[in-house]
Amino acid sequence: MIKCQADAQEIDTLPYNFTLAAWNTSNTNTTGTPLVLGQNGATTGATFYVTSTWASYPYNDYPSIQLVNNSLHALTASGDWFTNATTPTSGRPLGWLASRYYKPVAAQSYSAIRIPASSFPLLAANGNATSWSLCPAQTAGGQVNVIFDLNGASAGSGYDVNECYGVVLHIVPSE
């Protein structure tokens, strides 16, 4: 885990809004692939999202994110906040719950980790910044989603772990 490095700094609140980018550490691109909140279903009064690559879900209804007291809040283009990241679960996507009717509970599991070797802080779940993967969903027109702790993925999870690859999530300040 990156936070175990002596020169790493774990932060529970950032003073700026940001976007996320998935960086394949074996790639020469130093920023990463842009990420958005991709559609994952709805029910009365609530909408579910997963964190997806913009290339697989080219819509961005939540162009900025905040980290406040270890919780992730997604903001609309007008700055409205009614969407929170859910609790990270092994083998599952980085999920979000949006509701204007119910106050979604914000999981307090996230932090930013600054390490000198990285241009951007890294997003960590439960203090772990290195257990993220990008995985194509095995559905028609499947989104490529961010999965936490791929080791927890089970048969029938909707992902073929052989098609996934490890990434870190850069926290890129919004302009």
N, C-alpha and C. Protein backbone atom coordinates (compact mmCIF):
# COMPACT_ATOMS: atom_id res chain seq x y z
N MET A 1 0.84 -1.17 0.00
CA MET A 1 0.00 0.00 0.00
C MET A 1 0.88 1.24 0.00
N ILE A 2 0.57 2.19 -0.81
CA ILE A 2 1.39 3.38 -0.96
C ILE A 2 1.49 4.15 0.35
N LYS A 3 0.42 4.20 1.15
CA LYS A 3 0.46 5.01 2.37
C LYS A 3 1.53 4.54 3.34
N CYS A 4 2.03 3.34 3.18
CA CYS A 4 3.05 2.82 4.08
C CYS A 4 4.42 3.42 3.79
N GLN A 5 4.59 4.09 2.66
CA GLN A 5 5.86 4.70 2.36
C GLN A 5 6.10 5.84 3.34
N ALA A 6 7.30 5.97 3.81
CA ALA A 6 7.62 6.98 4.81
C ALA A 6 7.35 8.40 4.32
N ASP A 7 7.49 8.63 3.02
CA ASP A 7 7.33 9.98 2.50
C ASP A 7 5.93 10.26 1.95
N ALA A 8 4.97 9.37 2.16
CA ALA A 8 3.60 9.57 1.69
C ALA A 8 2.81 10.34 2.74
N GLN A 9 1.85 11.14 2.27
CA GLN A 9 1.01 11.92 3.15
C GLN A 9 -0.45 11.62 2.83
N GLU A 10 -1.21 11.12 3.82
CA GLU A 10 -2.63 10.80 3.63
C GLU A 10 -3.46 12.00 4.08
N ILE A 11 -4.44 12.39 3.24
CA ILE A 11 -5.24 13.60 3.46
C ILE A 11 -6.72 13.24 3.43
N ASP A 12 -7.51 13.73 4.39
CA ASP A 12 -8.94 13.40 4.44
C ASP A 12 -9.83 14.43 3.76
N THR A 13 -9.34 15.65 3.53
CA THR A 13 -10.11 16.71 2.90
C THR A 13 -9.20 17.50 1.97
N LEU A 14 -9.66 17.76 0.76
CA LEU A 14 -8.90 18.59 -0.18
C LEU A 14 -9.59 19.94 -0.33
N PRO A 15 -8.83 21.03 -0.46
CA PRO A 15 -9.43 22.36 -0.55
C PRO A 15 -9.88 22.76 -1.96
N TYR A 16 -9.87 21.81 -2.88
CA TYR A 16 -10.25 22.12 -4.27
C TYR A 16 -11.09 20.99 -4.85
N ASN A 17 -11.83 21.32 -5.91
CA ASN A 17 -12.58 20.31 -6.66
C ASN A 17 -11.62 19.64 -7.64
N PHE A 18 -12.00 18.43 -8.07
CA PHE A 18 -11.10 17.68 -8.94
C PHE A 18 -11.88 16.71 -9.82
N THR A 19 -11.16 16.11 -10.76
CA THR A 19 -11.66 14.99 -11.54
C THR A 19 -10.73 13.81 -11.25
N LEU A 20 -11.14 12.64 -11.70
CA LEU A 20 -10.30 11.45 -11.52
C LEU A 20 -9.80 10.97 -12.88
N ALA A 21 -8.61 10.42 -12.89
CA ALA A 21 -8.04 9.82 -14.08
C ALA A 21 -7.36 8.52 -13.68
N ALA A 22 -7.60 7.47 -14.45
CA ALA A 22 -6.99 6.16 -14.18
C ALA A 22 -5.67 6.08 -14.93
N TRP A 23 -4.60 5.86 -14.19
CA TRP A 23 -3.27 5.81 -14.79
C TRP A 23 -2.71 4.41 -14.70
N ASN A 24 -2.49 3.84 -15.87
CA ASN A 24 -1.82 2.55 -16.00
C ASN A 24 -0.33 2.84 -15.84
N THR A 25 0.24 2.40 -14.76
CA THR A 25 1.62 2.76 -14.46
C THR A 25 2.63 2.25 -15.47
N SER A 26 2.23 1.34 -16.34
CA SER A 26 3.15 0.86 -17.38
C SER A 26 3.02 1.69 -18.66
N ASN A 27 2.19 2.72 -18.64
CA ASN A 27 1.93 3.57 -19.79
C ASN A 27 2.76 4.84 -19.68
N THR A 28 3.11 5.46 -20.81
CA THR A 28 3.89 6.69 -20.79
C THR A 28 3.03 7.93 -20.57
N ASN A 29 1.71 7.83 -20.70
CA ASN A 29 0.81 8.93 -20.42
C ASN A 29 0.90 9.24 -18.93
N THR A 30 1.26 10.46 -18.57
CA THR A 30 1.48 10.77 -17.15
C THR A 30 0.23 11.25 -16.42
N THR A 31 -0.85 11.53 -17.12
CA THR A 31 -2.08 11.98 -16.45
C THR A 31 -3.02 10.81 -16.25
N GLY A 32 -3.35 10.10 -17.32
CA GLY A 32 -4.25 8.96 -17.22
C GLY A 32 -5.49 9.14 -18.06
N THR A 33 -6.33 8.12 -18.04
CA THR A 33 -7.58 8.10 -18.78
C THR A 33 -8.65 8.83 -17.98
N PRO A 34 -9.34 9.81 -18.57
CA PRO A 34 -10.38 10.53 -17.83
C PRO A 34 -11.51 9.60 -17.40
N LEU A 35 -12.00 9.84 -16.17
CA LEU A 35 -13.09 9.03 -15.61
C LEU A 35 -14.33 9.89 -15.37
N VAL A 36 -15.49 9.27 -15.50
CA VAL A 36 -16.77 9.92 -15.27
C VAL A 36 -17.67 8.99 -14.47
N LEU A 37 -18.81 9.49 -14.05
CA LEU A 37 -19.81 8.65 -13.40
C LEU A 37 -20.68 8.06 -14.49
N GLY A 38 -20.56 6.75 -14.71
CA GLY A 38 -21.32 6.04 -15.73
C GLY A 38 -22.60 5.45 -15.16
N GLN A 39 -23.60 5.37 -15.99
CA GLN A 39 -24.91 4.88 -15.58
C GLN A 39 -24.86 3.44 -15.06
N ASN A 40 -25.61 3.18 -13.98
CA ASN A 40 -25.65 1.83 -13.42
C ASN A 40 -27.03 1.47 -12.87
N GLY A 41 -28.08 2.16 -13.35
CA GLY A 41 -29.43 1.81 -12.94
C GLY A 41 -30.10 2.88 -12.10
N ALA A 42 -31.37 2.65 -11.82
CA ALA A 42 -32.15 3.61 -11.03
C ALA A 42 -33.34 2.90 -10.40
N THR A 43 -33.88 3.53 -9.38
CA THR A 43 -35.10 3.10 -8.73
C THR A 43 -35.83 4.37 -8.31
N THR A 44 -37.00 4.26 -7.78
CA THR A 44 -37.76 5.44 -7.39
C THR A 44 -36.94 6.31 -6.44
N GLY A 45 -36.66 7.52 -6.86
CA GLY A 45 -35.97 8.49 -6.02
C GLY A 45 -34.47 8.38 -5.96
N ALA A 46 -33.87 7.43 -6.66
CA ALA A 46 -32.41 7.27 -6.58
C ALA A 46 -31.85 6.77 -7.91
N THR A 47 -30.64 7.21 -8.21
CA THR A 47 -29.92 6.77 -9.40
C THR A 47 -28.57 6.24 -8.96
N PHE A 48 -28.13 5.15 -9.59
CA PHE A 48 -26.86 4.51 -9.25
C PHE A 48 -25.86 4.75 -10.39
N TYR A 49 -24.62 4.98 -10.01
CA TYR A 49 -23.55 5.20 -10.97
C TYR A 49 -22.36 4.33 -10.60
N VAL A 50 -21.51 4.09 -11.59
CA VAL A 50 -20.21 3.48 -11.39
C VAL A 50 -19.17 4.38 -12.04
N THR A 51 -17.96 4.31 -11.59
CA THR A 51 -16.90 5.12 -12.16
C THR A 51 -16.40 4.43 -13.43
N SER A 52 -16.54 5.12 -14.56
CA SER A 52 -16.23 4.54 -15.88
C SER A 52 -15.27 5.45 -16.64
N THR A 53 -14.61 4.88 -17.64
CA THR A 53 -13.78 5.72 -18.51
C THR A 53 -14.71 6.57 -19.37
N TRP A 54 -14.26 7.78 -19.64
CA TRP A 54 -15.05 8.67 -20.51
C TRP A 54 -15.17 8.05 -21.90
N ALA A 55 -14.15 7.34 -22.34
CA ALA A 55 -14.19 6.72 -23.68
C ALA A 55 -15.30 5.67 -23.78
N SER A 56 -15.66 5.02 -22.67
CA SER A 56 -16.70 4.00 -22.71
C SER A 56 -18.08 4.54 -22.32
N TYR A 57 -18.11 5.72 -21.73
CA TYR A 57 -19.36 6.38 -21.35
C TYR A 57 -19.14 7.89 -21.53
N PRO A 58 -19.32 8.39 -22.77
CA PRO A 58 -18.92 9.77 -23.10
C PRO A 58 -19.91 10.85 -22.66
N TYR A 59 -20.30 10.81 -21.41
CA TYR A 59 -21.18 11.82 -20.83
C TYR A 59 -20.55 12.22 -19.50
N ASN A 60 -20.75 13.46 -19.11
CA ASN A 60 -20.15 13.90 -17.86
C ASN A 60 -21.11 14.82 -17.11
N ASP A 61 -22.09 14.22 -16.46
CA ASP A 61 -23.08 14.99 -15.73
C ASP A 61 -22.55 15.51 -14.39
N TYR A 62 -21.43 14.98 -13.95
CA TYR A 62 -20.81 15.38 -12.69
C TYR A 62 -19.35 15.73 -12.96
N PRO A 63 -19.09 16.94 -13.45
CA PRO A 63 -17.73 17.28 -13.89
C PRO A 63 -16.72 17.57 -12.80
N SER A 64 -17.14 17.58 -11.54
CA SER A 64 -16.14 17.74 -10.49
C SER A 64 -16.54 16.96 -9.24
N ILE A 65 -15.53 16.66 -8.46
CA ILE A 65 -15.67 15.84 -7.25
C ILE A 65 -14.99 16.59 -6.11
N GLN A 66 -15.48 16.35 -4.90
CA GLN A 66 -14.86 16.89 -3.69
C GLN A 66 -14.50 15.73 -2.77
N LEU A 67 -13.42 15.91 -2.01
CA LEU A 67 -13.08 15.00 -0.93
C LEU A 67 -13.23 15.78 0.37
N VAL A 68 -14.23 15.39 1.18
CA VAL A 68 -14.52 16.11 2.42
C VAL A 68 -14.69 15.08 3.54
N ASN A 69 -13.85 15.17 4.55
CA ASN A 69 -13.92 14.27 5.70
C ASN A 69 -13.98 12.79 5.28
N ASN A 70 -13.08 12.42 4.38
CA ASN A 70 -12.96 11.04 3.88
C ASN A 70 -14.15 10.58 3.04
N SER A 71 -14.98 11.51 2.56
CA SER A 71 -16.12 11.17 1.70
C SER A 71 -15.95 11.83 0.34
N LEU A 72 -16.39 11.13 -0.70
CA LEU A 72 -16.38 11.68 -2.05
C LEU A 72 -17.76 12.19 -2.41
N HIS A 73 -17.84 13.44 -2.86
CA HIS A 73 -19.09 14.07 -3.29
C HIS A 73 -18.94 14.47 -4.75
N ALA A 74 -19.87 14.05 -5.60
CA ALA A 74 -19.86 14.45 -7.01
C ALA A 74 -20.76 15.67 -7.18
N LEU A 75 -20.29 16.64 -7.95
CA LEU A 75 -21.02 17.89 -8.16
C LEU A 75 -21.48 18.00 -9.61
N THR A 76 -22.69 18.51 -9.81
CA THR A 76 -23.19 18.78 -11.15
C THR A 76 -22.46 20.00 -11.71
N ALA A 77 -22.68 20.30 -12.99
CA ALA A 77 -22.04 21.45 -13.62
C ALA A 77 -22.43 22.75 -12.91
N SER A 78 -23.63 22.79 -12.33
CA SER A 78 -24.06 24.01 -11.61
C SER A 78 -23.61 23.99 -10.14
N GLY A 79 -22.88 22.97 -9.74
CA GLY A 79 -22.35 22.90 -8.38
C GLY A 79 -23.25 22.23 -7.37
N ASP A 80 -24.37 21.65 -7.82
CA ASP A 80 -25.28 20.96 -6.90
C ASP A 80 -24.64 19.66 -6.41
N TRP A 81 -24.86 19.38 -5.13
CA TRP A 81 -24.34 18.16 -4.53
C TRP A 81 -25.49 17.32 -3.98
N PHE A 82 -25.72 16.16 -4.59
CA PHE A 82 -26.69 15.19 -4.09
C PHE A 82 -26.24 13.77 -4.43
N THR A 83 -24.94 13.62 -4.69
CA THR A 83 -24.37 12.34 -5.11
C THR A 83 -23.12 12.04 -4.30
N ASN A 84 -23.09 10.84 -3.69
CA ASN A 84 -21.96 10.43 -2.86
C ASN A 84 -21.43 9.08 -3.33
N ALA A 85 -20.12 8.88 -3.14
CA ALA A 85 -19.53 7.56 -3.39
C ALA A 85 -20.00 6.60 -2.31
N THR A 86 -20.19 5.36 -2.71
CA THR A 86 -20.61 4.32 -1.77
C THR A 86 -19.38 3.68 -1.12
N THR A 87 -19.61 2.84 -0.16
CA THR A 87 -18.53 2.14 0.53
C THR A 87 -17.80 1.22 -0.45
N PRO A 88 -16.46 1.30 -0.51
CA PRO A 88 -15.73 0.42 -1.42
C PRO A 88 -15.88 -1.04 -0.99
N THR A 89 -16.15 -1.90 -1.99
CA THR A 89 -16.33 -3.32 -1.74
C THR A 89 -15.42 -4.10 -2.67
N SER A 90 -14.68 -5.06 -2.13
CA SER A 90 -13.77 -5.87 -2.94
C SER A 90 -14.49 -6.51 -4.12
N GLY A 91 -13.88 -6.37 -5.31
CA GLY A 91 -14.42 -6.98 -6.51
C GLY A 91 -15.58 -6.24 -7.15
N ARG A 92 -15.90 -5.05 -6.64
CA ARG A 92 -17.04 -4.28 -7.15
C ARG A 92 -16.56 -2.92 -7.66
N PRO A 93 -17.34 -2.28 -8.53
CA PRO A 93 -16.97 -0.95 -9.04
C PRO A 93 -16.99 0.12 -7.95
N LEU A 94 -16.25 1.17 -8.19
CA LEU A 94 -16.34 2.38 -7.36
C LEU A 94 -17.70 2.99 -7.68
N GLY A 95 -18.66 2.82 -6.76
CA GLY A 95 -20.05 3.19 -7.01
C GLY A 95 -20.44 4.52 -6.39
N TRP A 96 -21.59 5.02 -6.87
CA TRP A 96 -22.13 6.30 -6.43
C TRP A 96 -23.64 6.17 -6.31
N LEU A 97 -24.22 6.94 -5.39
CA LEU A 97 -25.66 6.99 -5.22
C LEU A 97 -26.10 8.45 -5.27
N ALA A 98 -27.06 8.74 -6.14
CA ALA A 98 -27.59 10.10 -6.29
C ALA A 98 -29.06 10.12 -5.94
N SER A 99 -29.46 11.12 -5.18
CA SER A 99 -30.87 11.30 -4.87
C SER A 99 -31.14 12.72 -4.43
N ARG A 100 -32.16 13.31 -5.02
CA ARG A 100 -32.62 14.63 -4.58
C ARG A 100 -33.71 14.47 -3.52
N TYR A 101 -34.19 13.24 -3.31
CA TYR A 101 -35.29 12.99 -2.36
C TYR A 101 -34.79 12.47 -1.03
N TYR A 102 -33.75 11.67 -1.07
CA TYR A 102 -33.18 11.08 0.14
C TYR A 102 -31.76 11.57 0.26
N LYS A 103 -31.30 11.77 1.46
CA LYS A 103 -29.90 12.17 1.63
C LYS A 103 -29.04 10.91 1.64
N PRO A 104 -28.34 10.63 0.52
CA PRO A 104 -27.50 9.44 0.48
C PRO A 104 -26.37 9.53 1.51
N VAL A 105 -26.18 8.48 2.26
CA VAL A 105 -25.10 8.44 3.24
C VAL A 105 -23.77 8.42 2.49
N ALA A 106 -22.86 9.26 2.93
CA ALA A 106 -21.55 9.34 2.30
C ALA A 106 -20.58 8.41 3.03
N ALA A 107 -20.05 7.43 2.31
CA ALA A 107 -19.06 6.53 2.89
C ALA A 107 -17.83 7.33 3.29
N GLN A 108 -17.30 7.08 4.46
CA GLN A 108 -16.10 7.78 4.94
C GLN A 108 -14.90 6.85 4.85
N SER A 109 -14.61 6.44 3.61
CA SER A 109 -13.58 5.43 3.36
C SER A 109 -12.46 5.92 2.46
N TYR A 110 -12.53 7.18 2.01
CA TYR A 110 -11.63 7.66 0.96
C TYR A 110 -10.64 8.69 1.49
N SER A 111 -9.50 8.75 0.83
CA SER A 111 -8.49 9.74 1.17
C SER A 111 -7.64 10.01 -0.06
N ALA A 112 -6.91 11.11 0.02
CA ALA A 112 -5.92 11.43 -1.01
C ALA A 112 -4.56 11.12 -0.42
N ILE A 113 -3.70 10.54 -1.23
CA ILE A 113 -2.34 10.24 -0.77
C ILE A 113 -1.36 10.96 -1.69
N ARG A 114 -0.56 11.81 -1.06
CA ARG A 114 0.47 12.53 -1.82
C ARG A 114 1.79 11.80 -1.64
N ILE A 115 2.39 11.50 -2.76
CA ILE A 115 3.71 10.90 -2.73
C ILE A 115 4.61 11.72 -3.65
N PRO A 116 5.83 11.93 -3.28
CA PRO A 116 6.73 12.78 -4.07
C PRO A 116 6.90 12.30 -5.51
N ALA A 117 6.80 11.03 -5.77
CA ALA A 117 7.05 10.50 -7.12
C ALA A 117 5.89 10.76 -8.08
N SER A 118 4.75 11.26 -7.59
CA SER A 118 3.58 11.44 -8.44
C SER A 118 3.26 12.92 -8.60
N SER A 119 2.90 13.32 -9.82
CA SER A 119 2.51 14.70 -10.09
C SER A 119 1.18 15.05 -9.45
N PHE A 120 0.34 14.03 -9.22
CA PHE A 120 -1.00 14.24 -8.67
C PHE A 120 -1.17 13.36 -7.43
N PRO A 121 -2.01 13.82 -6.48
CA PRO A 121 -2.35 12.92 -5.38
C PRO A 121 -3.09 11.70 -5.92
N LEU A 122 -3.05 10.61 -5.17
CA LEU A 122 -3.73 9.38 -5.56
C LEU A 122 -4.96 9.18 -4.68
N LEU A 123 -6.04 8.65 -5.27
CA LEU A 123 -7.22 8.32 -4.49
C LEU A 123 -7.01 6.97 -3.83
N ALA A 124 -7.30 6.92 -2.54
CA ALA A 124 -7.18 5.68 -1.78
C ALA A 124 -8.54 5.32 -1.19
N ALA A 125 -8.79 4.03 -1.07
CA ALA A 125 -9.97 3.52 -0.37
C ALA A 125 -9.45 2.70 0.79
N ASN A 126 -9.92 3.01 1.98
CA ASN A 126 -9.44 2.34 3.19
C ASN A 126 -7.91 2.42 3.30
N GLY A 127 -7.35 3.54 2.87
CA GLY A 127 -5.91 3.76 2.94
C GLY A 127 -5.11 3.09 1.85
N ASN A 128 -5.76 2.43 0.90
CA ASN A 128 -5.08 1.67 -0.14
C ASN A 128 -5.26 2.36 -1.51
N ALA A 129 -4.16 2.83 -2.07
CA ALA A 129 -4.22 3.53 -3.36
C ALA A 129 -3.82 2.63 -4.53
N THR A 130 -3.47 1.39 -4.27
CA THR A 130 -2.94 0.54 -5.34
C THR A 130 -3.83 -0.65 -5.67
N SER A 131 -5.05 -0.68 -5.18
CA SER A 131 -5.93 -1.83 -5.45
C SER A 131 -7.04 -1.50 -6.43
N TRP A 132 -6.80 -0.57 -7.34
CA TRP A 132 -7.79 -0.22 -8.36
C TRP A 132 -7.44 -0.92 -9.66
N SER A 133 -8.47 -1.27 -10.44
CA SER A 133 -8.28 -1.87 -11.77
C SER A 133 -9.31 -1.28 -12.71
N LEU A 134 -9.00 -1.29 -14.00
CA LEU A 134 -9.97 -0.97 -15.04
C LEU A 134 -10.41 -2.29 -15.66
N CYS A 135 -11.73 -2.48 -15.74
CA CYS A 135 -12.28 -3.73 -16.26
C CYS A 135 -13.44 -3.44 -17.20
N PRO A 136 -13.45 -4.05 -18.40
CA PRO A 136 -14.61 -3.90 -19.27
C PRO A 136 -15.77 -4.77 -18.77
N ALA A 137 -16.94 -4.17 -18.66
CA ALA A 137 -18.13 -4.93 -18.25
C ALA A 137 -18.51 -5.88 -19.38
N GLN A 138 -18.98 -7.05 -19.02
CA GLN A 138 -19.36 -8.06 -20.02
C GLN A 138 -20.84 -7.91 -20.39
N THR A 139 -21.20 -6.71 -20.81
CA THR A 139 -22.57 -6.42 -21.27
C THR A 139 -22.48 -5.74 -22.62
N ALA A 140 -23.60 -5.72 -23.33
CA ALA A 140 -23.63 -5.06 -24.64
C ALA A 140 -23.24 -3.60 -24.46
N GLY A 141 -22.27 -3.15 -25.25
CA GLY A 141 -21.81 -1.77 -25.15
C GLY A 141 -21.20 -1.48 -23.79
N GLY A 142 -20.60 -2.49 -23.19
CA GLY A 142 -20.12 -2.41 -21.81
C GLY A 142 -19.19 -1.26 -21.53
N GLN A 143 -19.45 -0.63 -20.41
CA GLN A 143 -18.57 0.42 -19.92
C GLN A 143 -17.32 -0.22 -19.35
N VAL A 144 -16.23 0.52 -19.38
CA VAL A 144 -14.99 0.10 -18.73
C VAL A 144 -15.00 0.79 -17.37
N ASN A 145 -15.07 0.00 -16.30
CA ASN A 145 -15.29 0.53 -14.96
C ASN A 145 -14.08 0.36 -14.06
N VAL A 146 -14.01 1.22 -13.06
CA VAL A 146 -12.99 1.14 -12.02
C VAL A 146 -13.48 0.14 -10.98
N ILE A 147 -12.67 -0.88 -10.71
CA ILE A 147 -13.00 -1.91 -9.73
C ILE A 147 -12.01 -1.81 -8.57
N PHE A 148 -12.53 -1.95 -7.36
CA PHE A 148 -11.69 -1.93 -6.17
C PHE A 148 -11.32 -3.36 -5.78
N ASP A 149 -10.08 -3.61 -5.52
CA ASP A 149 -9.58 -4.89 -5.04
C ASP A 149 -10.10 -6.05 -5.89
N LEU A 150 -9.56 -6.16 -7.07
CA LEU A 150 -9.98 -7.17 -8.04
C LEU A 150 -9.92 -8.59 -7.48
N ASN A 151 -9.10 -8.81 -6.49
CA ASN A 151 -9.00 -10.15 -5.87
C ASN A 151 -10.33 -10.60 -5.29
N GLY A 152 -11.21 -9.66 -4.97
CA GLY A 152 -12.51 -10.00 -4.41
C GLY A 152 -13.58 -10.28 -5.45
N ALA A 153 -13.24 -10.17 -6.75
CA ALA A 153 -14.22 -10.42 -7.81
C ALA A 153 -14.56 -11.90 -7.86
N SER A 154 -15.85 -12.19 -7.97
CA SER A 154 -16.29 -13.58 -8.00
C SER A 154 -16.88 -13.90 -9.37
N ALA A 155 -17.04 -15.18 -9.64
CA ALA A 155 -17.69 -15.59 -10.88
C ALA A 155 -19.08 -14.97 -10.91
N GLY A 156 -19.47 -14.47 -12.05
CA GLY A 156 -20.78 -13.83 -12.18
C GLY A 156 -20.77 -12.37 -11.79
N SER A 157 -19.57 -11.80 -11.56
CA SER A 157 -19.48 -10.40 -11.17
C SER A 157 -19.71 -9.46 -12.35
N GLY A 158 -19.73 -10.01 -13.56
CA GLY A 158 -19.91 -9.18 -14.75
C GLY A 158 -18.60 -8.71 -15.36
N TYR A 159 -17.47 -9.21 -14.82
CA TYR A 159 -16.15 -8.83 -15.32
C TYR A 159 -15.30 -10.08 -15.50
N ASP A 160 -14.52 -10.09 -16.58
CA ASP A 160 -13.54 -11.15 -16.78
C ASP A 160 -12.21 -10.61 -16.27
N VAL A 161 -11.75 -11.11 -15.14
CA VAL A 161 -10.55 -10.56 -14.52
C VAL A 161 -9.32 -10.65 -15.43
N ASN A 162 -9.36 -11.53 -16.41
CA ASN A 162 -8.24 -11.63 -17.36
C ASN A 162 -8.17 -10.44 -18.31
N GLU A 163 -9.25 -9.68 -18.40
CA GLU A 163 -9.28 -8.49 -19.27
C GLU A 163 -9.02 -7.21 -18.49
N CYS A 164 -8.80 -7.30 -17.21
CA CYS A 164 -8.60 -6.13 -16.35
C CYS A 164 -7.11 -5.83 -16.21
N TYR A 165 -6.81 -4.60 -15.86
CA TYR A 165 -5.43 -4.23 -15.55
C TYR A 165 -5.40 -3.20 -14.43
N GLY A 166 -4.34 -3.26 -13.65
CA GLY A 166 -4.20 -2.39 -12.49
C GLY A 166 -3.91 -0.95 -12.87
N VAL A 167 -4.47 -0.04 -12.08
CA VAL A 167 -4.26 1.39 -12.27
C VAL A 167 -4.16 2.05 -10.89
N VAL A 168 -3.69 3.27 -10.88
CA VAL A 168 -3.86 4.15 -9.74
C VAL A 168 -4.78 5.27 -10.22
N LEU A 169 -5.49 5.89 -9.29
CA LEU A 169 -6.42 6.96 -9.65
C LEU A 169 -5.83 8.31 -9.26
N HIS A 170 -5.50 9.08 -10.30
CA HIS A 170 -4.98 10.43 -10.07
C HIS A 170 -6.12 11.36 -9.72
N ILE A 171 -5.87 12.22 -8.77
CA ILE A 171 -6.78 13.31 -8.42
C ILE A 171 -6.27 14.54 -9.15
N VAL A 172 -7.00 14.96 -10.18
CA VAL A 172 -6.56 16.05 -11.04
C VAL A 172 -7.39 17.29 -10.72
N PRO A 173 -6.75 18.35 -10.19
CA PRO A 173 -7.51 19.56 -9.85
C PRO A 173 -8.32 20.09 -11.04
N SER A 174 -9.58 20.49 -10.76
CA SER A 174 -10.44 21.06 -11.80
C SER A 174 -9.91 22.43 -12.18
N GLU A 175 -10.11 22.78 -13.44
CA GLU A 175 -9.64 24.08 -13.91
C GLU A 175 -10.69 25.13 -13.72
